[in-house]
Amino acid sequence: MKKIAMLNCLRANDVCTGASCFRAFHERRKSFEIYSGQEVEVAAFMRCNGCGTDPCSDKGIAEKVARLRQEKIEVVHVGACTKNKEGVRCGTIQKIMDMIEAEGIRIVDGTH
């Protein structure tokens, strides 16, 4: 069974329950269409550690990325909340994405 994770913005915690991401996953809509007919488990749901933090020197982010490897996560979907209204991705999230990819884990842009 394929194991995936979702990466979302910490600030989204103010208003986000994760419901739209999980609904899209369960219904295999939007970016999750690629798993149609496959057995897939959402094994992790992680947030960044906040605006202004440097993920490259943040021990917490390093621990989260290591945990993704430990859990044998194959793909990380990056939430819509990680981009502003103009579609520009947060620099902090982009650095985390780069760290995840450096571990050999595939990144997919989007959830719902």
PDB file of N, CA and C in Angstrom:
ATOM      1  N   MET A   1       0.843  -1.179   0.000  1.00  0.00           N
ATOM      2  CA  MET A   1       0.000   0.000   0.000  1.00  0.00           C
ATOM      3  C   MET A   1       0.887   1.240   0.000  1.00  0.00           C
ATOM      4  N   LYS A   2       0.529   2.195  -0.836  1.00  0.00           N
ATOM      5  CA  LYS A   2       1.272   3.451  -0.928  1.00  0.00           C
ATOM      6  C   LYS A   2       0.933   4.325   0.278  1.00  0.00           C
ATOM      7  N   LYS A   3       1.962   4.948   0.855  1.00  0.00           N
ATOM      8  CA  LYS A   3       1.770   5.840   1.995  1.00  0.00           C
ATOM      9  C   LYS A   3       2.096   7.263   1.566  1.00  0.00           C
ATOM     10  N   ILE A   4       1.162   8.168   1.855  1.00  0.00           N
ATOM     11  CA  ILE A   4       1.363   9.562   1.497  1.00  0.00           C
ATOM     12  C   ILE A   4       1.217  10.442   2.738  1.00  0.00           C
ATOM     13  N   ALA A   5       1.630  11.703   2.573  1.00  0.00           N
ATOM     14  CA  ALA A   5       1.488  12.705   3.627  1.00  0.00           C
ATOM     15  C   ALA A   5       0.998  13.997   2.996  1.00  0.00           C
ATOM     16  N   MET A   6       0.549  14.900   3.854  1.00  0.00           N
ATOM     17  CA  MET A   6       0.158  16.234   3.416  1.00  0.00           C
ATOM     18  C   MET A   6       0.952  17.256   4.217  1.00  0.00           C
ATOM     19  N   LEU A   7       1.413  18.289   3.543  1.00  0.00           N
ATOM     20  CA  LEU A   7       2.141  19.402   4.154  1.00  0.00           C
ATOM     21  C   LEU A   7       1.288  20.646   4.009  1.00  0.00           C
ATOM     22  N   ASN A   8       1.026  21.308   5.138  1.00  0.00           N
ATOM     23  CA  ASN A   8       0.188  22.497   5.134  1.00  0.00           C
ATOM     24  C   ASN A   8       0.832  23.620   5.937  1.00  0.00           C
ATOM     25  N   CYS A   9       0.262  24.791   5.788  1.00  0.00           N
ATOM     26  CA  CYS A   9       0.734  26.010   6.449  1.00  0.00           C
ATOM     27  C   CYS A   9       0.290  26.043   7.910  1.00  0.00           C
ATOM     28  N   LEU A  10       1.206  26.388   8.801  1.00  0.00           N
ATOM     29  CA  LEU A  10       0.879  26.492  10.225  1.00  0.00           C
ATOM     30  C   LEU A  10      -0.195  27.550  10.464  1.00  0.00           C
ATOM     31  N   ARG A  11      -0.121  28.657   9.744  1.00  0.00           N
ATOM     32  CA  ARG A  11      -1.118  29.721   9.920  1.00  0.00           C
ATOM     33  C   ARG A  11      -2.516  29.259   9.524  1.00  0.00           C
ATOM     34  N   ALA A  12      -2.600  28.249   8.671  1.00  0.00           N
ATOM     35  CA  ALA A  12      -3.905  27.723   8.277  1.00  0.00           C
ATOM     36  C   ALA A  12      -4.634  27.115   9.467  1.00  0.00           C
ATOM     37  N   ASN A  13      -3.890  26.762  10.526  1.00  0.00           N
ATOM     38  CA  ASN A  13      -4.518  26.219  11.736  1.00  0.00           C
ATOM     39  C   ASN A  13      -5.601  27.137  12.279  1.00  0.00           C
ATOM     40  N   ASP A  14      -5.486  28.435  11.998  1.00  0.00           N
ATOM     41  CA  ASP A  14      -6.465  29.394  12.504  1.00  0.00           C
ATOM     42  C   ASP A  14      -7.872  29.093  12.004  1.00  0.00           C
ATOM     43  N   VAL A  15      -7.961  28.531  10.789  1.00  0.00           N
ATOM     44  CA  VAL A  15      -9.276  28.308  10.178  1.00  0.00           C
ATOM     45  C   VAL A  15      -9.454  26.911   9.588  1.00  0.00           C
ATOM     46  N   CYS A  16      -8.405  26.134   9.519  1.00  0.00           N
ATOM     47  CA  CYS A  16      -8.437  24.865   8.787  1.00  0.00           C
ATOM     48  C   CYS A  16      -8.598  23.663   9.712  1.00  0.00           C
ATOM     49  N   THR A  17      -9.513  22.780   9.322  1.00  0.00           N
ATOM     50  CA  THR A  17      -9.672  21.508  10.034  1.00  0.00           C
ATOM     51  C   THR A  17      -9.033  20.361   9.261  1.00  0.00           C
ATOM     52  N   GLY A  18      -8.631  20.639   8.027  1.00  0.00           N
ATOM     53  CA  GLY A  18      -8.102  19.583   7.165  1.00  0.00           C
ATOM     54  C   GLY A  18      -9.203  18.837   6.429  1.00  0.00           C
ATOM     55  N   ALA A  19     -10.446  19.194   6.687  1.00  0.00           N
ATOM     56  CA  ALA A  19     -11.582  18.471   6.117  1.00  0.00           C
ATOM     57  C   ALA A  19     -11.577  18.455   4.590  1.00  0.00           C
ATOM     58  N   SER A  20     -11.280  19.584   3.964  1.00  0.00           N
ATOM     59  CA  SER A  20     -11.292  19.626   2.492  1.00  0.00           C
ATOM     60  C   SER A  20     -10.202  18.763   1.898  1.00  0.00           C
ATOM     61  N   CYS A  21      -9.032  18.765   2.522  1.00  0.00           N
ATOM     62  CA  CYS A  21      -7.939  17.905   2.048  1.00  0.00           C
ATOM     63  C   CYS A  21      -8.343  16.437   2.157  1.00  0.00           C
ATOM     64  N   PHE A  22      -8.874  16.053   3.305  1.00  0.00           N
ATOM     65  CA  PHE A  22      -9.245  14.658   3.512  1.00  0.00           C
ATOM     66  C   PHE A  22     -10.429  14.247   2.634  1.00  0.00           C
ATOM     67  N   ARG A  23     -11.380  15.144   2.419  1.00  0.00           N
ATOM     68  CA  ARG A  23     -12.505  14.835   1.543  1.00  0.00           C
ATOM     69  C   ARG A  23     -12.009  14.591   0.127  1.00  0.00           C
ATOM     70  N   ALA A  24     -11.138  15.478  -0.366  1.00  0.00           N
ATOM     71  CA  ALA A  24     -10.588  15.303  -1.715  1.00  0.00           C
ATOM     72  C   ALA A  24      -9.832  13.988  -1.817  1.00  0.00           C
ATOM     73  N   PHE A  25      -9.100  13.623  -0.767  1.00  0.00           N
ATOM     74  CA  PHE A  25      -8.386  12.344  -0.776  1.00  0.00           C
ATOM     75  C   PHE A  25      -9.366  11.177  -0.855  1.00  0.00           C
ATOM     76  N   HIS A  26     -10.344  11.156   0.027  1.00  0.00           N
ATOM     77  CA  HIS A  26     -11.283  10.031   0.084  1.00  0.00           C
ATOM     78  C   HIS A  26     -12.110   9.900  -1.184  1.00  0.00           C
ATOM     79  N   GLU A  27     -12.397  11.034  -1.815  1.00  0.00           N
ATOM     80  CA  GLU A  27     -13.171  11.016  -3.060  1.00  0.00           C
ATOM     81  C   GLU A  27     -12.276  10.922  -4.289  1.00  0.00           C
ATOM     82  N   ARG A  28     -10.956  10.883  -4.071  1.00  0.00           N
ATOM     83  CA  ARG A  28      -9.962  10.814  -5.153  1.00  0.00           C
ATOM     84  C   ARG A  28     -10.203  11.930  -6.182  1.00  0.00           C
ATOM     85  N   ARG A  29     -10.362  13.150  -5.658  1.00  0.00           N
ATOM     86  CA  ARG A  29     -10.544  14.331  -6.503  1.00  0.00           C
ATOM     87  C   ARG A  29      -9.280  15.177  -6.486  1.00  0.00           C
ATOM     88  N   LYS A  30      -9.251  16.141  -7.388  1.00  0.00           N
ATOM     89  CA  LYS A  30      -8.150  17.106  -7.512  1.00  0.00           C
ATOM     90  C   LYS A  30      -6.818  16.369  -7.611  1.00  0.00           C
ATOM     91  N   SER A  31      -5.843  16.732  -6.799  1.00  0.00           N
ATOM     92  CA  SER A  31      -4.509  16.124  -6.938  1.00  0.00           C
ATOM     93  C   SER A  31      -4.476  14.653  -6.544  1.00  0.00           C
ATOM     94  N   PHE A  32      -5.532  14.185  -5.890  1.00  0.00           N
ATOM     95  CA  PHE A  32      -5.578  12.781  -5.461  1.00  0.00           C
ATOM     96  C   PHE A  32      -6.168  11.847  -6.528  1.00  0.00           C
ATOM     97  N   GLU A  33      -6.586  12.409  -7.656  1.00  0.00           N
ATOM     98  CA  GLU A  33      -7.090  11.597  -8.763  1.00  0.00           C
ATOM     99  C   GLU A  33      -6.057  10.571  -9.215  1.00  0.00           C
ATOM    100  N   ILE A  34      -4.794  10.872  -9.021  1.00  0.00           N
ATOM    101  CA  ILE A  34      -3.728   9.969  -9.473  1.00  0.00           C
ATOM    102  C   ILE A  34      -3.754   8.629  -8.748  1.00  0.00           C
ATOM    103  N   TYR A  35      -4.509   8.551  -7.650  1.00  0.00           N
ATOM    104  CA  TYR A  35      -4.588   7.309  -6.881  1.00  0.00           C
ATOM    105  C   TYR A  35      -5.879   6.537  -7.137  1.00  0.00           C
ATOM    106  N   SER A  36      -6.627   6.935  -8.128  1.00  0.00           N
ATOM    107  CA  SER A  36      -7.891   6.265  -8.425  1.00  0.00           C
ATOM    108  C   SER A  36      -7.661   4.763  -8.594  1.00  0.00           C
ATOM    109  N   GLY A  37      -8.434   3.978  -7.840  1.00  0.00           N
ATOM    110  CA  GLY A  37      -8.334   2.521  -7.914  1.00  0.00           C
ATOM    111  C   GLY A  37      -7.159   1.920  -7.166  1.00  0.00           C
ATOM    112  N   GLN A  38      -6.399   2.730  -6.428  1.00  0.00           N
ATOM    113  CA  GLN A  38      -5.241   2.234  -5.691  1.00  0.00           C
ATOM    114  C   GLN A  38      -5.513   2.251  -4.183  1.00  0.00           C
ATOM    115  N   GLU A  39      -4.822   1.364  -3.483  1.00  0.00           N
ATOM    116  CA  GLU A  39      -4.852   1.406  -2.021  1.00  0.00           C
ATOM    117  C   GLU A  39      -3.802   2.406  -1.560  1.00  0.00           C
ATOM    118  N   VAL A  40      -4.252   3.438  -0.884  1.00  0.00           N
ATOM    119  CA  VAL A  40      -3.374   4.517  -0.433  1.00  0.00           C
ATOM    120  C   VAL A  40      -3.760   4.893   0.984  1.00  0.00           C
ATOM    121  N   GLU A  41      -2.757   5.121   1.810  1.00  0.00           N
ATOM    122  CA  GLU A  41      -2.976   5.530   3.200  1.00  0.00           C
ATOM    123  C   GLU A  41      -2.386   6.915   3.423  1.00  0.00           C
ATOM    124  N   VAL A  42      -3.179   7.810   4.009  1.00  0.00           N
ATOM    125  CA  VAL A  42      -2.616   9.081   4.470  1.00  0.00           C
ATOM    126  C   VAL A  42      -1.985   8.772   5.818  1.00  0.00           C
ATOM    127  N   ALA A  43      -0.670   8.717   5.840  1.00  0.00           N
ATOM    128  CA  ALA A  43       0.057   8.291   7.034  1.00  0.00           C
ATOM    129  C   ALA A  43       0.614   9.456   7.847  1.00  0.00           C
ATOM    130  N   ALA A  44       0.569  10.663   7.284  1.00  0.00           N
ATOM    131  CA  ALA A  44       1.073  11.830   8.018  1.00  0.00           C
ATOM    132  C   ALA A  44       0.397  13.087   7.494  1.00  0.00           C
ATOM    133  N   PHE A  45       0.208  14.037   8.403  1.00  0.00           N
ATOM    134  CA  PHE A  45      -0.362  15.344   8.086  1.00  0.00           C
ATOM    135  C   PHE A  45       0.471  16.343   8.860  1.00  0.00           C
ATOM    136  N   MET A  46       1.354  17.068   8.179  1.00  0.00           N
ATOM    137  CA  MET A  46       2.293  17.939   8.890  1.00  0.00           C
ATOM    138  C   MET A  46       2.122  19.393   8.505  1.00  0.00           C
ATOM    139  N   ARG A  47       2.549  20.239   9.404  1.00  0.00           N
ATOM    140  CA  ARG A  47       2.544  21.690   9.192  1.00  0.00           C
ATOM    141  C   ARG A  47       3.986  22.182   9.205  1.00  0.00           C
ATOM    142  N   CYS A  48       4.194  23.345   8.602  1.00  0.00           N
ATOM    143  CA  CYS A  48       5.497  23.989   8.742  1.00  0.00           C
ATOM    144  C   CYS A  48       5.617  24.456  10.199  1.00  0.00           C
ATOM    145  N   ASN A  49       6.736  25.056  10.559  1.00  0.00           N
ATOM    146  CA  ASN A  49       6.910  25.543  11.929  1.00  0.00           C
ATOM    147  C   ASN A  49       6.724  27.056  12.031  1.00  0.00           C
ATOM    148  N   GLY A  50       6.137  27.645  11.009  1.00  0.00           N
ATOM    149  CA  GLY A  50       5.778  29.055  11.085  1.00  0.00           C
ATOM    150  C   GLY A  50       6.595  29.967  10.207  1.00  0.00           C
ATOM    151  N   CYS A  51       5.995  31.098   9.919  1.00  0.00           N
ATOM    152  CA  CYS A  51       6.643  32.130   9.099  1.00  0.00           C
ATOM    153  C   CYS A  51       7.891  32.657   9.809  1.00  0.00           C
ATOM    154  N   GLY A  52       8.897  32.916   9.030  1.00  0.00           N
ATOM    155  CA  GLY A  52      10.114  33.500   9.587  1.00  0.00           C
ATOM    156  C   GLY A  52      11.092  32.486  10.132  1.00  0.00           C
ATOM    157  N   THR A  53      10.711  31.227  10.209  1.00  0.00           N
ATOM    158  CA  THR A  53      11.665  30.208  10.657  1.00  0.00           C
ATOM    159  C   THR A  53      12.461  29.735   9.443  1.00  0.00           C
ATOM    160  N   ASP A  54      13.684  29.335   9.669  1.00  0.00           N
ATOM    161  CA  ASP A  54      14.504  28.792   8.590  1.00  0.00           C
ATOM    162  C   ASP A  54      14.472  27.276   8.701  1.00  0.00           C
ATOM    163  N   PRO A  55      13.735  26.613   7.821  1.00  0.00           N
ATOM    164  CA  PRO A  55      13.612  25.160   7.910  1.00  0.00           C
ATOM    165  C   PRO A  55      14.951  24.441   7.852  1.00  0.00           C
ATOM    166  N   CYS A  56      15.913  25.038   7.166  1.00  0.00           N
ATOM    167  CA  CYS A  56      17.219  24.387   7.009  1.00  0.00           C
ATOM    168  C   CYS A  56      17.979  24.276   8.331  1.00  0.00           C
ATOM    169  N   SER A  57      17.669  25.134   9.293  1.00  0.00           N
ATOM    170  CA  SER A  57      18.338  25.065  10.589  1.00  0.00           C
ATOM    171  C   SER A  57      17.365  24.740  11.731  1.00  0.00           C
ATOM    172  N   ASP A  58      16.134  24.433  11.390  1.00  0.00           N
ATOM    173  CA  ASP A  58      15.095  24.127  12.375  1.00  0.00           C
ATOM    174  C   ASP A  58      15.124  22.629  12.690  1.00  0.00           C
ATOM    175  N   LYS A  59      15.517  22.280  13.906  1.00  0.00           N
ATOM    176  CA  LYS A  59      15.604  20.871  14.296  1.00  0.00           C
ATOM    177  C   LYS A  59      14.248  20.178  14.231  1.00  0.00           C
ATOM    178  N   GLY A  60      13.186  20.913  14.493  1.00  0.00           N
ATOM    179  CA  GLY A  60      11.850  20.339  14.435  1.00  0.00           C
ATOM    180  C   GLY A  60      11.484  19.899  13.027  1.00  0.00           C
ATOM    181  N   ILE A  61      11.809  20.725  12.041  1.00  0.00           N
ATOM    182  CA  ILE A  61      11.524  20.355  10.651  1.00  0.00           C
ATOM    183  C   ILE A  61      12.386  19.166  10.248  1.00  0.00           C
ATOM    184  N   ALA A  62      13.639  19.172  10.643  1.00  0.00           N
ATOM    185  CA  ALA A  62      14.516  18.035  10.338  1.00  0.00           C
ATOM    186  C   ALA A  62      13.940  16.754  10.922  1.00  0.00           C
ATOM    187  N   GLU A  63      13.397  16.846  12.132  1.00  0.00           N
ATOM    188  CA  GLU A  63      12.794  15.676  12.770  1.00  0.00           C
ATOM    189  C   GLU A  63      11.548  15.217  12.014  1.00  0.00           C
ATOM    190  N   LYS A  64      10.745  16.173  11.546  1.00  0.00           N
ATOM    191  CA  LYS A  64       9.545  15.824  10.779  1.00  0.00           C
ATOM    192  C   LYS A  64       9.911  15.132   9.472  1.00  0.00           C
ATOM    193  N   VAL A  65      10.912  15.654   8.779  1.00  0.00           N
ATOM    194  CA  VAL A  65      11.332  15.050   7.514  1.00  0.00           C
ATOM    195  C   VAL A  65      11.884  13.646   7.765  1.00  0.00           C
ATOM    196  N   ALA A  66      12.652  13.480   8.829  1.00  0.00           N
ATOM    197  CA  ALA A  66      13.175  12.153   9.177  1.00  0.00           C
ATOM    198  C   ALA A  66      12.024  11.191   9.480  1.00  0.00           C
ATOM    199  N   ARG A  67      10.992  11.683  10.124  1.00  0.00           N
ATOM    200  CA  ARG A  67       9.846  10.836  10.449  1.00  0.00           C
ATOM    201  C   ARG A  67       9.117  10.390   9.187  1.00  0.00           C
ATOM    202  N   LEU A  68       9.046  11.267   8.188  1.00  0.00           N
ATOM    203  CA  LEU A  68       8.439  10.878   6.917  1.00  0.00           C
ATOM    204  C   LEU A  68       9.174   9.676   6.330  1.00  0.00           C
ATOM    205  N   ARG A  69      10.509   9.726   6.367  1.00  0.00           N
ATOM    206  CA  ARG A  69      11.314   8.603   5.861  1.00  0.00           C
ATOM    207  C   ARG A  69      11.067   7.360   6.714  1.00  0.00           C
ATOM    208  N   GLN A  70      11.044   7.533   8.026  1.00  0.00           N
ATOM    209  CA  GLN A  70      10.825   6.413   8.943  1.00  0.00           C
ATOM    210  C   GLN A  70       9.477   5.736   8.677  1.00  0.00           C
ATOM    211  N   GLU A  71       8.483   6.520   8.348  1.00  0.00           N
ATOM    212  CA  GLU A  71       7.144   6.004   8.079  1.00  0.00           C
ATOM    213  C   GLU A  71       6.994   5.494   6.644  1.00  0.00           C
ATOM    214  N   LYS A  72       8.066   5.583   5.875  1.00  0.00           N
ATOM    215  CA  LYS A  72       8.085   5.114   4.487  1.00  0.00           C
ATOM    216  C   LYS A  72       7.069   5.853   3.603  1.00  0.00           C
ATOM    217  N   ILE A  73       6.989   7.162   3.817  1.00  0.00           N
ATOM    218  CA  ILE A  73       6.138   8.012   2.994  1.00  0.00           C
ATOM    219  C   ILE A  73       6.755   8.092   1.599  1.00  0.00           C
ATOM    220  N   GLU A  74       5.933   7.883   0.585  1.00  0.00           N
ATOM    221  CA  GLU A  74       6.408   7.926  -0.801  1.00  0.00           C
ATOM    222  C   GLU A  74       6.135   9.264  -1.475  1.00  0.00           C
ATOM    223  N   VAL A  75       5.038   9.911  -1.082  1.00  0.00           N
ATOM    224  CA  VAL A  75       4.608  11.145  -1.734  1.00  0.00           C
ATOM    225  C   VAL A  75       4.100  12.113  -0.668  1.00  0.00           C
ATOM    226  N   VAL A  76       4.451  13.400  -0.821  1.00  0.00           N
ATOM    227  CA  VAL A  76       3.907  14.446   0.035  1.00  0.00           C
ATOM    228  C   VAL A  76       3.125  15.418  -0.849  1.00  0.00           C
ATOM    229  N   HIS A  77       1.853  15.597  -0.520  1.00  0.00           N
ATOM    230  CA  HIS A  77       1.009  16.573  -1.209  1.00  0.00           C
ATOM    231  C   HIS A  77       1.087  17.888  -0.445  1.00  0.00           C
ATOM    232  N   VAL A  78       1.313  18.970  -1.175  1.00  0.00           N
ATOM    233  CA  VAL A  78       1.469  20.288  -0.561  1.00  0.00           C
ATOM    234  C   VAL A  78       0.166  21.061  -0.742  1.00  0.00           C
ATOM    235  N   GLY A  79      -0.406  21.475   0.385  1.00  0.00           N
ATOM    236  CA  GLY A  79      -1.727  22.093   0.400  1.00  0.00           C
ATOM    237  C   GLY A  79      -1.831  23.427  -0.310  1.00  0.00           C
ATOM    238  N   ALA A  80      -3.059  23.719  -0.736  1.00  0.00           N
ATOM    239  CA  ALA A  80      -3.370  24.995  -1.380  1.00  0.00           C
ATOM    240  C   ALA A  80      -3.085  26.168  -0.442  1.00  0.00           C
ATOM    241  N   CYS A  81      -3.140  25.936   0.854  1.00  0.00           N
ATOM    242  CA  CYS A  81      -2.914  26.984   1.849  1.00  0.00           C
ATOM    243  C   CYS A  81      -1.460  27.478   1.858  1.00  0.00           C
ATOM    244  N   THR A  82      -0.595  26.825   1.117  1.00  0.00           N
ATOM    245  CA  THR A  82       0.822  27.211   1.112  1.00  0.00           C
ATOM    246  C   THR A  82       1.137  28.246   0.031  1.00  0.00           C
ATOM    247  N   LYS A  83       0.089  28.687  -0.670  1.00  0.00           N
ATOM    248  CA  LYS A  83       0.244  29.726  -1.693  1.00  0.00           C
ATOM    249  C   LYS A  83      -0.652  30.907  -1.342  1.00  0.00           C
ATOM    250  N   ASN A  84      -0.218  32.098  -1.755  1.00  0.00           N
ATOM    251  CA  ASN A  84      -1.064  33.276  -1.524  1.00  0.00           C
ATOM    252  C   ASN A  84      -2.126  33.370  -2.628  1.00  0.00           C
ATOM    253  N   LYS A  85      -2.941  34.392  -2.577  1.00  0.00           N
ATOM    254  CA  LYS A  85      -4.044  34.531  -3.535  1.00  0.00           C
ATOM    255  C   LYS A  85      -3.562  34.663  -4.972  1.00  0.00           C
ATOM    256  N   GLU A  86      -2.326  35.104  -5.152  1.00  0.00           N
ATOM    257  CA  GLU A  86      -1.759  35.233  -6.495  1.00  0.00           C
ATOM    258  C   GLU A  86      -1.115  33.926  -6.967  1.00  0.00           C
ATOM    259  N   GLY A  87      -1.148  32.915  -6.116  1.00  0.00           N
ATOM    260  CA  GLY A  87      -0.580  31.620  -6.487  1.00  0.00           C
ATOM    261  C   GLY A  87       0.904  31.470  -6.219  1.00  0.00           C
ATOM    262  N   VAL A  88       1.473  32.400  -5.441  1.00  0.00           N
ATOM    263  CA  VAL A  88       2.903  32.348  -5.121  1.00  0.00           C
ATOM    264  C   VAL A  88       3.093  31.546  -3.839  1.00  0.00           C
ATOM    265  N   ARG A  89       3.955  30.552  -3.912  1.00  0.00           N
ATOM    266  CA  ARG A  89       4.195  29.672  -2.767  1.00  0.00           C
ATOM    267  C   ARG A  89       5.060  30.366  -1.722  1.00  0.00           C
ATOM    268  N   CYS A  90       4.759  30.097  -0.480  1.00  0.00           N
ATOM    269  CA  CYS A  90       5.539  30.568   0.661  1.00  0.00           C
ATOM    270  C   CYS A  90       6.978  30.051   0.553  1.00  0.00           C
ATOM    271  N   GLY A  91       7.947  30.914   0.791  1.00  0.00           N
ATOM    272  CA  GLY A  91       9.358  30.529   0.718  1.00  0.00           C
ATOM    273  C   GLY A  91       9.741  29.493   1.760  1.00  0.00           C
ATOM    274  N   THR A  92       9.146  29.579   2.943  1.00  0.00           N
ATOM    275  CA  THR A  92       9.425  28.594   3.994  1.00  0.00           C
ATOM    276  C   THR A  92       8.970  27.208   3.547  1.00  0.00           C
ATOM    277  N   ILE A  93       7.777  27.135   3.001  1.00  0.00           N
ATOM    278  CA  ILE A  93       7.250  25.858   2.518  1.00  0.00           C
ATOM    279  C   ILE A  93       8.110  25.330   1.378  1.00  0.00           C
ATOM    280  N   GLN A  94       8.550  26.205   0.486  1.00  0.00           N
ATOM    281  CA  GLN A  94       9.382  25.758  -0.632  1.00  0.00           C
ATOM    282  C   GLN A  94      10.673  25.120  -0.125  1.00  0.00           C
ATOM    283  N   LYS A  95      11.269  25.697   0.899  1.00  0.00           N
ATOM    284  CA  LYS A  95      12.491  25.108   1.470  1.00  0.00           C
ATOM    285  C   LYS A  95      12.208  23.733   2.072  1.00  0.00           C
ATOM    286  N   ILE A  96      11.061  23.597   2.728  1.00  0.00           N
ATOM    287  CA  ILE A  96      10.687  22.298   3.298  1.00  0.00           C
ATOM    288  C   ILE A  96      10.474  21.288   2.175  1.00  0.00           C
ATOM    289  N   MET A  97       9.832  21.711   1.113  1.00  0.00           N
ATOM    290  CA  MET A  97       9.633  20.837  -0.041  1.00  0.00           C
ATOM    291  C   MET A  97      10.976  20.361  -0.591  1.00  0.00           C
ATOM    292  N   ASP A  98      11.926  21.279  -0.686  1.00  0.00           N
ATOM    293  CA  ASP A  98      13.262  20.928  -1.181  1.00  0.00           C
ATOM    294  C   ASP A  98      13.926  19.900  -0.265  1.00  0.00           C
ATOM    295  N   MET A  99      13.757  20.069   1.042  1.00  0.00           N
ATOM    296  CA  MET A  99      14.332  19.122   2.007  1.00  0.00           C
ATOM    297  C   MET A  99      13.699  17.737   1.854  1.00  0.00           C
ATOM    298  N   ILE A 100      12.414  17.720   1.650  1.00  0.00           N
ATOM    299  CA  ILE A 100      11.698  16.445   1.490  1.00  0.00           C
ATOM    300  C   ILE A 100      12.144  15.750   0.209  1.00  0.00           C
ATOM    301  N   GLU A 101      12.228  16.515  -0.873  1.00  0.00           N
ATOM    302  CA  GLU A 101      12.675  15.939  -2.143  1.00  0.00           C
ATOM    303  C   GLU A 101      14.105  15.416  -2.055  1.00  0.00           C
ATOM    304  N   ALA A 102      14.938  16.097  -1.291  1.00  0.00           N
ATOM    305  CA  ALA A 102      16.327  15.655  -1.113  1.00  0.00           C
ATOM    306  C   ALA A 102      16.397  14.288  -0.441  1.00  0.00           C
ATOM    307  N   GLU A 103      15.334  13.914   0.266  1.00  0.00           N
ATOM    308  CA  GLU A 103      15.257  12.604   0.914  1.00  0.00           C
ATOM    309  C   GLU A 103      14.682  11.542  -0.019  1.00  0.00           C
ATOM    310  N   GLY A 104      14.416  11.932  -1.263  1.00  0.00           N
ATOM    311  CA  GLY A 104      13.895  10.973  -2.233  1.00  0.00           C
ATOM    312  C   GLY A 104      12.392  10.785  -2.187  1.00  0.00           C
ATOM    313  N   ILE A 105      11.701  11.694  -1.526  1.00  0.00           N
ATOM    314  CA  ILE A 105      10.241  11.627  -1.426  1.00  0.00           C
ATOM    315  C   ILE A 105       9.658  12.568  -2.471  1.00  0.00           C
ATOM    316  N   ARG A 106       8.729  12.048  -3.253  1.00  0.00           N
ATOM    317  CA  ARG A 106       8.106  12.827  -4.328  1.00  0.00           C
ATOM    318  C   ARG A 106       7.167  13.888  -3.756  1.00  0.00           C
ATOM    319  N   ILE A 107       7.148  15.042  -4.403  1.00  0.00           N
ATOM    320  CA  ILE A 107       6.252  16.137  -4.031  1.00  0.00           C
ATOM    321  C   ILE A 107       5.184  16.272  -5.092  1.00  0.00           C
ATOM    322  N   VAL A 108       3.928  16.435  -4.644  1.00  0.00           N
ATOM    323  CA  VAL A 108       2.822  16.745  -5.546  1.00  0.00           C
ATOM    324  C   VAL A 108       2.249  18.082  -5.091  1.00  0.00           C
ATOM    325  N   ASP A 109       2.124  19.009  -6.025  1.00  0.00           N
ATOM    326  CA  ASP A 109       1.586  20.319  -5.728  1.00  0.00           C
ATOM    327  C   ASP A 109       0.064  20.244  -5.678  1.00  0.00           C
ATOM    328  N   GLY A 110      -0.469  20.354  -4.489  1.00  0.00           N
ATOM    329  CA  GLY A 110      -1.918  20.424  -4.362  1.00  0.00           C
ATOM    330  C   GLY A 110      -2.531  19.325  -3.509  1.00  0.00           C
ATOM    331  N   THR A 111      -3.667  19.687  -2.971  1.00  0.00           N
ATOM    332  CA  THR A 111      -4.507  18.756  -2.232  1.00  0.00           C
ATOM    333  C   THR A 111      -5.912  18.906  -2.808  1.00  0.00           C
ATOM    334  N   HIS A 112      -6.687  19.852  -2.287  1.00  0.00           N
ATOM    335  CA  HIS A 112      -8.052  20.058  -2.786  1.00  0.00           C
ATOM    336  C   HIS A 112      -8.120  21.242  -3.708  1.00  0.00           C
TER     337      HIS A 112
END
